[in-house]
Amino acid sequence: AQFVPAGPSEELPEQELGVIRRAAEAAWDSKTVILLFATGDFVDLAINWAQATRALGLRNFVLVAMDRKLGDILGRFTNAPGLLLPRVALGTTTITKLSVIGERQRFGLRVLEAGFHVLFVDLDALFLRSPEPLLRDGDIIGERIWGRPRNVVKKWGAAICTGFYFLRATAANVAIFRKTHHLIAEKRQRQPKWQASDQWAINNALDQQVVEWVSGTSMKPISDFSTKFYDNSSHVGYTKLTRTKFVVLPHLAVARSCPILKFGAAKPPAAEKVETRKWKLWQHLLQTSHVLHCFPPDSMPCPELKHGEKGCDKSVIMGSAVHIHGEVVFDRRQGLWFMKEGWEQAIAAPSTRDFWAWLEGQYNGLKPGEAPPENA
């Protein structure tokens, strides 16, 4: 079927569509838009992500504010690469921790329908290099993960993580992505306390299309050390029903499992053999990976308790205050923090309304993996 891009709509009005267009014009292909989503609670991760990406010379991203708090922060600049989610601006929806992912997927669908290739990226998936080489071949391309959804991992050997996944603007992809929207809405109606998961939805939607792998085999398990850290080959398949080319990237390209370093970014003492091996593995990832999407330690709510015990709530991990704090601590310790001290005060009353000039002025000068100076 021929793909005909949609025009402006209530969920993607002309002004917001203009923000998307400007981002696309800055892309390597004039068509790919990187979408990030956040509330005001995530502003530190959002600004650090923008800093890392700016340092690579990339500007084809849009930070979608999912509450007015973040929208107001972006509004302090005349040219911030961001917008307030139109459904929030209209008062049609209020973002909760249960609905945030479903709303992210819904807005992404509108951008895809408008004819743009969409790369969804989580705020903790930091770019070391341009992702462009990873996106050259394939209709749906995603980061490899071995966790959930378990039914798909059991069948394929692994699945795609929606912390980094790409959809090319095709009629078939719009149909598949509409199916994910339907799956999320249907399950949310049945289970109102379920945290909407686009990861569950996109993997199951693809599975329903029946994926035939070119190799004829499933992906190797997470226990295969070489597959995790050294294999640089993608797992490629085609959906039987739509002939959509589906690419699961090697874990090395977008690393989710990362060594946690006892001594942070600093090289360990020679006597620390285990830590030295972990540090060398970290250096390998820094030199080879395009994106680091590391799951940090000490980021689980009430780690000593079970869900429901003594009021412990583990129903929502991603986005909890504990998880966000854990991300920031990890980035600072392992050399993935790029903001100057005092940036929070600087953004409260920016010295310039030019977002890019302000951001460059708040850069701490560190390269990925570099430890901050001792007396910084």
Protein backbone atom coordinates (compact mmCIF):
# COMPACT_ATOMS: atom_id res chain seq x y z
CA ALA A 1 0.00 0.00 0.00
CA GLN A 2 1.21 3.50 -0.82
CA PHE A 3 2.05 5.60 2.21
CA VAL A 4 0.34 9.00 2.32
CA PRO A 5 1.57 11.24 5.19
CA ALA A 6 -1.08 12.78 7.42
CA GLY A 7 -1.35 16.54 7.89
CA PRO A 8 -1.79 18.46 11.15
CA SER A 9 -4.31 17.08 13.65
CA GLU A 10 -5.59 17.74 17.15
CA GLU A 11 -2.88 15.46 18.56
CA LEU A 12 -0.16 16.95 16.31
CA PRO A 13 -1.17 20.58 15.59
CA GLU A 14 0.61 22.77 13.03
CA GLN A 15 2.88 24.49 15.58
CA GLU A 16 4.05 21.20 17.09
CA LEU A 17 4.37 19.67 13.63
CA GLY A 18 6.69 22.58 12.83
CA VAL A 19 8.96 21.57 15.73
CA ILE A 20 9.06 18.02 14.34
CA ARG A 21 9.84 19.31 10.83
CA ARG A 22 12.71 21.47 12.07
CA ALA A 23 14.23 18.50 13.89
CA ALA A 24 13.90 16.31 10.79
CA GLU A 25 15.57 18.97 8.63
CA ALA A 26 18.64 18.73 10.90
CA ALA A 27 18.85 14.93 10.48
CA TRP A 28 21.32 12.96 8.32
CA ASP A 29 18.45 11.97 5.97
CA SER A 30 16.18 15.01 6.55
CA LYS A 31 13.52 12.60 7.78
CA THR A 32 14.52 10.91 11.06
CA VAL A 33 13.28 12.46 14.31
CA ILE A 34 14.56 11.29 17.69
CA LEU A 35 11.74 11.45 20.23
CA LEU A 36 12.37 11.66 23.97
CA PHE A 37 9.67 11.98 26.61
CA ALA A 38 9.90 13.35 30.13
CA THR A 39 8.10 15.07 32.96
CA GLY A 40 9.66 17.75 35.14
CA ASP A 41 10.94 15.00 37.47
CA PHE A 42 13.36 13.92 34.72
CA VAL A 43 14.83 17.33 33.88
CA ASP A 44 18.37 16.41 35.02
CA LEU A 45 18.49 13.28 32.84
CA ALA A 46 16.88 15.15 29.93
CA ILE A 47 19.38 18.02 29.96
CA ASN A 48 22.36 15.67 30.40
CA TRP A 49 21.13 13.60 27.42
CA ALA A 50 20.78 16.76 25.34
CA GLN A 51 24.30 17.82 26.33
CA ALA A 52 25.84 14.50 25.30
CA THR A 53 24.00 14.58 21.98
CA ARG A 54 24.83 18.25 21.27
CA ALA A 55 28.52 17.43 21.74
CA LEU A 56 28.18 14.95 18.83
CA GLY A 57 26.75 17.66 16.59
CA LEU A 58 23.28 16.08 16.50
CA ARG A 59 20.19 18.29 16.66
CA ASN A 60 17.44 16.13 15.18
CA PHE A 61 15.76 15.40 18.50
CA VAL A 62 12.57 16.62 20.15
CA LEU A 63 12.06 16.53 23.90
CA VAL A 64 8.36 16.00 24.49
CA ALA A 65 7.32 17.51 27.83
CA MET A 66 4.60 15.40 29.40
CA ASP A 67 3.71 17.94 32.07
CA ARG A 68 3.56 21.72 32.30
CA LYS A 69 6.48 21.82 34.73
CA LEU A 70 8.92 20.67 32.04
CA GLY A 71 7.01 22.58 29.38
CA ASP A 72 7.59 25.79 31.35
CA ILE A 73 11.33 25.07 31.65
CA LEU A 74 11.63 24.59 27.88
CA GLY A 75 9.54 27.72 27.41
CA ARG A 76 12.33 29.82 28.95
CA PHE A 77 14.14 29.46 25.61
CA THR A 78 13.06 30.71 22.19
CA ASN A 79 14.44 27.72 20.28
CA ALA A 80 14.39 24.73 22.63
CA PRO A 81 14.04 21.47 20.67
CA GLY A 82 10.90 20.53 22.55
CA LEU A 83 7.15 20.85 22.88
CA LEU A 84 4.39 20.25 25.41
CA LEU A 85 2.49 17.04 24.62
CA PRO A 86 -0.61 18.34 22.78
CA ARG A 87 -3.04 16.12 24.73
CA VAL A 88 -1.65 17.60 27.97
CA ALA A 89 -1.83 21.14 26.54
CA LEU A 90 -5.47 20.57 25.60
CA GLY A 91 -6.31 19.12 29.02
CA THR A 92 -7.43 15.87 27.34
CA THR A 93 -5.17 13.79 29.57
CA THR A 94 -3.10 14.05 32.72
CA ILE A 95 0.06 11.97 32.73
CA THR A 96 0.39 9.37 35.47
CA LYS A 97 3.07 6.75 36.00
CA LEU A 98 0.60 4.17 34.70
CA SER A 99 -0.27 6.03 31.49
CA VAL A 100 3.00 7.75 30.58
CA ILE A 101 4.33 5.02 28.26
CA GLY A 102 1.01 4.61 26.46
CA GLU A 103 0.93 8.36 25.78
CA ARG A 104 4.51 8.23 24.51
CA GLN A 105 3.54 5.53 22.04
CA ARG A 106 0.39 7.39 20.98
CA PHE A 107 2.26 10.61 20.15
CA GLY A 108 4.98 8.66 18.34
CA LEU A 109 2.29 7.10 16.17
CA ARG A 110 1.08 10.57 15.17
CA VAL A 111 4.64 11.56 14.15
CA LEU A 112 5.02 8.34 12.16
CA GLU A 113 1.66 8.92 10.44
CA ALA A 114 2.90 12.40 9.45
CA GLY A 115 5.63 10.74 7.37
CA PHE A 116 8.70 10.93 9.63
CA HIS A 117 10.98 8.07 10.57
CA VAL A 118 10.86 7.85 14.38
CA LEU A 119 13.67 6.83 16.72
CA PHE A 120 12.37 6.44 20.28
CA VAL A 121 15.10 6.90 22.88
CA ASP A 122 15.01 6.77 26.68
CA LEU A 123 16.74 9.56 28.58
CA ASP A 124 19.23 7.11 30.09
CA ALA A 125 20.29 5.81 26.66
CA LEU A 126 23.28 8.08 26.10
CA PHE A 127 24.79 8.45 22.63
CA LEU A 128 28.54 7.90 22.30
CA ARG A 129 28.32 8.13 18.52
CA SER A 130 25.68 9.02 15.96
CA PRO A 131 23.11 6.22 15.71
CA GLU A 132 22.82 6.74 11.94
CA PRO A 133 24.88 3.65 10.93
CA LEU A 134 22.59 1.45 13.04
CA LEU A 135 19.49 2.65 11.18
CA ARG A 136 20.54 2.25 7.54
CA ASP A 137 18.92 -1.10 6.84
CA GLY A 138 15.61 -2.23 8.28
CA ASP A 139 12.02 -1.13 8.73
CA ILE A 140 11.83 -1.77 12.48
CA ILE A 141 15.15 -1.77 14.36
CA GLY A 142 15.63 -2.18 18.09
CA GLU A 143 18.03 -2.66 20.96
CA ARG A 144 18.43 -6.26 22.16
CA ILE A 145 17.18 -7.27 25.59
CA TRP A 146 16.63 -10.59 27.34
CA GLY A 147 14.07 -9.64 29.99
CA ARG A 148 10.51 -8.93 28.92
CA PRO A 149 8.08 -9.76 27.44
CA ARG A 150 8.93 -13.28 28.55
CA ASN A 151 6.61 -15.01 26.07
CA VAL A 152 8.46 -13.38 23.16
CA VAL A 153 11.95 -13.88 24.65
CA LYS A 154 11.14 -17.58 25.10
CA LYS A 155 10.25 -17.82 21.39
CA TRP A 156 12.90 -15.56 19.82
CA GLY A 157 15.73 -15.94 22.36
CA ALA A 158 15.65 -12.17 23.01
CA ALA A 159 13.37 -9.21 22.23
CA ILE A 160 13.68 -5.50 21.47
CA CYS A 161 13.93 -2.90 24.21
CA THR A 162 11.94 0.25 23.60
CA GLY A 163 14.66 2.36 25.21
CA PHE A 164 16.09 2.54 21.67
CA TYR A 165 13.97 1.53 18.70
CA PHE A 166 13.35 2.86 15.21
CA LEU A 167 10.38 2.79 12.85
CA ARG A 168 10.68 3.73 9.21
CA ALA A 169 7.70 5.63 7.82
CA THR A 170 5.94 2.95 5.77
CA ALA A 171 2.30 1.97 5.42
CA ALA A 172 3.07 -1.45 6.95
CA ASN A 173 4.78 0.12 9.97
CA VAL A 174 1.88 2.49 10.55
CA ALA A 175 -0.44 -0.54 10.57
CA ILE A 176 1.81 -2.46 12.98
CA PHE A 177 2.18 0.55 15.26
CA ARG A 178 -1.57 1.17 15.28
CA LYS A 179 -1.85 -2.44 16.43
CA THR A 180 0.46 -1.67 19.39
CA HIS A 181 -1.76 1.28 20.28
CA HIS A 182 -4.80 -1.02 20.19
CA LEU A 183 -3.07 -3.67 22.33
CA ILE A 184 -2.11 -1.10 24.99
CA ALA A 185 -5.58 0.49 25.11
CA GLU A 186 -7.25 -2.93 25.28
CA LYS A 187 -5.04 -4.19 28.11
CA ARG A 188 -5.30 -0.92 30.06
CA GLN A 189 -9.08 -1.23 29.91
CA ARG A 190 -8.93 -4.78 31.25
CA GLN A 191 -6.25 -3.99 33.84
CA PRO A 192 -6.49 -0.31 34.94
CA LYS A 193 -3.54 -0.71 37.36
CA TRP A 194 -1.21 -2.02 34.63
CA GLN A 195 1.64 0.32 33.69
CA ALA A 196 1.24 0.65 29.93
CA SER A 197 4.27 -0.91 28.22
CA ASP A 198 5.18 -0.18 24.61
CA GLN A 199 7.88 -2.84 24.96
CA TRP A 200 5.23 -5.47 25.66
CA ALA A 201 3.06 -4.11 22.85
CA ILE A 202 5.60 -3.75 20.00
CA ASN A 203 7.16 -7.17 20.60
CA ASN A 204 3.78 -8.89 20.76
CA ALA A 205 2.49 -6.99 17.72
CA LEU A 206 5.52 -8.14 15.72
CA ASP A 207 5.16 -11.68 17.01
CA GLN A 208 1.55 -11.69 15.82
CA GLN A 209 2.84 -10.76 12.35
CA VAL A 210 4.91 -14.01 12.48
CA VAL A 211 8.64 -13.25 12.26
CA GLU A 212 10.78 -15.53 10.07
CA TRP A 213 14.47 -15.20 10.94
CA VAL A 214 16.92 -15.19 8.03
CA SER A 215 19.33 -17.43 9.98
CA GLY A 216 16.56 -19.89 10.78
CA THR A 217 17.62 -19.82 14.43
CA SER A 218 16.64 -17.91 17.55
CA MET A 219 18.97 -15.45 19.29
CA LYS A 220 21.56 -16.66 21.77
CA PRO A 221 20.80 -16.25 25.50
CA ILE A 222 22.11 -13.56 27.84
CA SER A 223 24.42 -16.17 29.41
CA ASP A 224 26.55 -16.14 26.23
CA PHE A 225 29.29 -13.65 27.19
CA SER A 226 30.56 -13.24 23.62
CA THR A 227 27.05 -12.44 22.36
CA LYS A 228 26.66 -9.78 25.05
CA PHE A 229 29.94 -7.96 24.63
CA TYR A 230 31.77 -8.95 21.44
CA ASP A 231 29.36 -10.17 18.75
CA ASN A 232 28.64 -7.29 16.39
CA SER A 233 26.05 -8.96 14.18
CA SER A 234 22.34 -8.13 14.08
CA HIS A 235 19.59 -10.75 14.07
CA VAL A 236 17.44 -10.13 11.00
CA GLY A 237 13.97 -11.36 10.16
CA TYR A 238 10.92 -10.53 8.07
CA THR A 239 7.32 -10.46 9.17
CA LYS A 240 5.46 -13.12 7.23
CA LEU A 241 2.28 -11.09 6.81
CA THR A 242 3.68 -7.67 5.79
CA ARG A 243 7.30 -8.49 4.76
CA THR A 244 8.57 -5.85 7.14
CA LYS A 245 12.32 -6.12 7.70
CA PHE A 246 12.90 -6.48 11.44
CA VAL A 247 16.40 -5.99 12.87
CA VAL A 248 17.43 -6.77 16.45
CA LEU A 249 20.72 -4.96 17.00
CA PRO A 250 23.67 -6.63 18.70
CA HIS A 251 23.82 -5.88 22.42
CA LEU A 252 27.24 -4.33 21.81
CA ALA A 253 25.69 -1.59 19.65
CA VAL A 254 23.27 -0.43 22.37
CA ALA A 255 24.53 -1.88 25.64
CA ARG A 256 21.93 -2.45 28.37
CA SER A 257 24.09 -4.68 30.55
CA CYS A 258 27.12 -2.68 31.72
CA PRO A 259 29.88 -3.35 34.26
CA ILE A 260 29.37 -1.47 37.52
CA LEU A 261 32.72 -0.03 38.57
CA LYS A 262 33.79 0.03 42.21
CA PHE A 263 36.20 2.91 41.56
CA GLY A 264 33.95 4.78 39.16
CA ALA A 265 35.58 6.15 36.02
CA ALA A 266 39.08 6.04 37.55
CA LYS A 267 41.39 3.14 36.62
CA PRO A 268 41.49 0.64 39.52
CA PRO A 269 44.67 -0.18 41.45
CA ALA A 270 46.64 -2.99 39.77
CA ALA A 271 45.99 -5.30 42.73
CA GLU A 272 42.23 -5.13 42.04
CA LYS A 273 42.16 -7.89 39.40
CA VAL A 274 38.38 -8.29 39.13
CA GLU A 275 37.79 -4.54 39.02
CA THR A 276 40.52 -4.16 36.39
CA ARG A 277 38.78 -6.72 34.15
CA LYS A 278 35.46 -4.87 34.59
CA TRP A 279 37.14 -1.52 33.87
CA LYS A 280 38.70 -2.92 30.66
CA LEU A 281 35.29 -4.22 29.59
CA TRP A 282 33.86 -0.74 30.23
CA GLN A 283 36.61 0.79 28.08
CA HIS A 284 35.70 -1.71 25.33
CA LEU A 285 32.07 -0.54 25.44
CA LEU A 286 33.11 3.13 25.41
CA GLN A 287 35.27 2.50 22.33
CA THR A 288 32.80 0.28 20.46
CA SER A 289 29.18 0.93 21.40
CA HIS A 290 27.05 3.59 19.76
CA VAL A 291 24.75 3.94 22.76
CA LEU A 292 25.02 3.09 26.46
CA HIS A 293 21.66 2.27 28.02
CA CYS A 294 23.01 0.93 31.30
CA PHE A 295 20.70 -0.27 34.07
CA PRO A 296 22.13 1.32 37.23
CA PRO A 297 22.63 -0.28 40.63
CA ASP A 298 20.79 0.94 43.73
CA SER A 299 17.81 2.05 41.66
CA MET A 300 15.10 -0.34 42.80
CA PRO A 301 12.48 0.99 45.24
CA CYS A 302 12.69 -0.66 48.70
CA PRO A 303 15.23 -3.32 47.59
CA GLU A 304 15.02 -5.29 50.84
CA LEU A 305 11.24 -5.72 50.69
CA LYS A 306 8.73 -7.50 48.48
CA HIS A 307 6.00 -5.60 46.65
CA GLY A 308 3.22 -4.71 49.10
CA GLU A 309 5.35 -5.40 52.18
CA LYS A 310 5.33 -2.48 54.66
CA GLY A 311 3.84 -0.23 51.97
CA CYS A 312 6.56 -1.03 49.42
CA ASP A 313 5.39 -0.18 45.88
CA LYS A 314 7.31 -1.87 43.07
CA SER A 315 4.50 -1.54 40.53
CA VAL A 316 6.30 1.37 38.87
CA ILE A 317 10.11 1.22 38.83
CA MET A 318 11.00 3.32 35.78
CA GLY A 319 10.28 6.91 36.70
CA SER A 320 10.27 6.40 40.45
CA ALA A 321 12.35 8.92 42.42
CA VAL A 322 14.69 6.12 43.54
CA HIS A 323 15.28 4.99 39.95
CA ILE A 324 15.91 8.52 38.64
CA HIS A 325 18.37 9.18 41.47
CA GLY A 326 20.12 5.88 40.73
CA GLU A 327 20.54 6.89 37.08
CA VAL A 328 22.11 10.24 37.96
CA VAL A 329 24.48 8.70 40.52
CA PHE A 330 25.58 6.04 38.01
CA ASP A 331 26.21 8.62 35.26
CA ARG A 332 28.28 10.78 37.59
CA ARG A 333 30.36 7.86 38.88
CA GLN A 334 31.14 6.28 35.51
CA GLY A 335 31.92 9.38 33.50
CA LEU A 336 28.60 9.88 31.74
CA TRP A 337 27.70 13.23 33.30
CA PHE A 338 28.33 16.29 31.11
CA MET A 339 26.76 19.21 32.96
CA LYS A 340 28.68 21.82 34.96
CA GLU A 341 28.00 22.13 38.66
CA GLY A 342 25.34 24.76 39.23
CA TRP A 343 23.43 24.11 35.99
CA GLU A 344 20.19 23.81 37.98
CA GLN A 345 20.45 27.43 39.09
CA ALA A 346 21.47 28.46 35.57
CA ILE A 347 18.38 26.94 33.98
CA ALA A 348 16.10 28.57 36.57
CA ALA A 349 17.08 31.97 35.15
CA PRO A 350 18.97 31.43 31.86
CA SER A 351 21.47 34.10 30.86
CA THR A 352 20.39 33.65 27.23
CA ARG A 353 17.15 32.52 25.60
CA ASP A 354 19.14 30.63 22.95
CA PHE A 355 18.88 27.01 24.13
CA TRP A 356 21.91 25.76 22.21
CA ALA A 357 24.15 28.60 23.39
CA TRP A 358 22.99 28.07 26.98
CA LEU A 359 23.57 24.31 26.78
CA GLU A 360 27.06 24.70 25.34
CA GLY A 361 27.87 27.14 28.14
CA GLN A 362 26.88 24.51 30.72
CA TYR A 363 29.16 21.76 29.30
CA ASN A 364 31.74 20.48 31.78
CA GLY A 365 34.13 19.51 28.99
CA LEU A 366 34.33 15.81 29.86
CA LYS A 367 34.35 13.05 27.26
CA PRO A 368 32.41 9.81 27.89
CA GLY A 369 34.18 7.72 30.51
CA GLU A 370 36.35 10.55 31.84
CA ALA A 371 36.49 11.05 35.57
CA PRO A 372 35.93 14.63 36.76
CA PRO A 373 38.98 16.46 38.16
CA GLU A 374 39.75 15.64 41.80
CA ASN A 375 38.81 19.08 43.07
CA ALA A 376 35.88 19.73 40.74
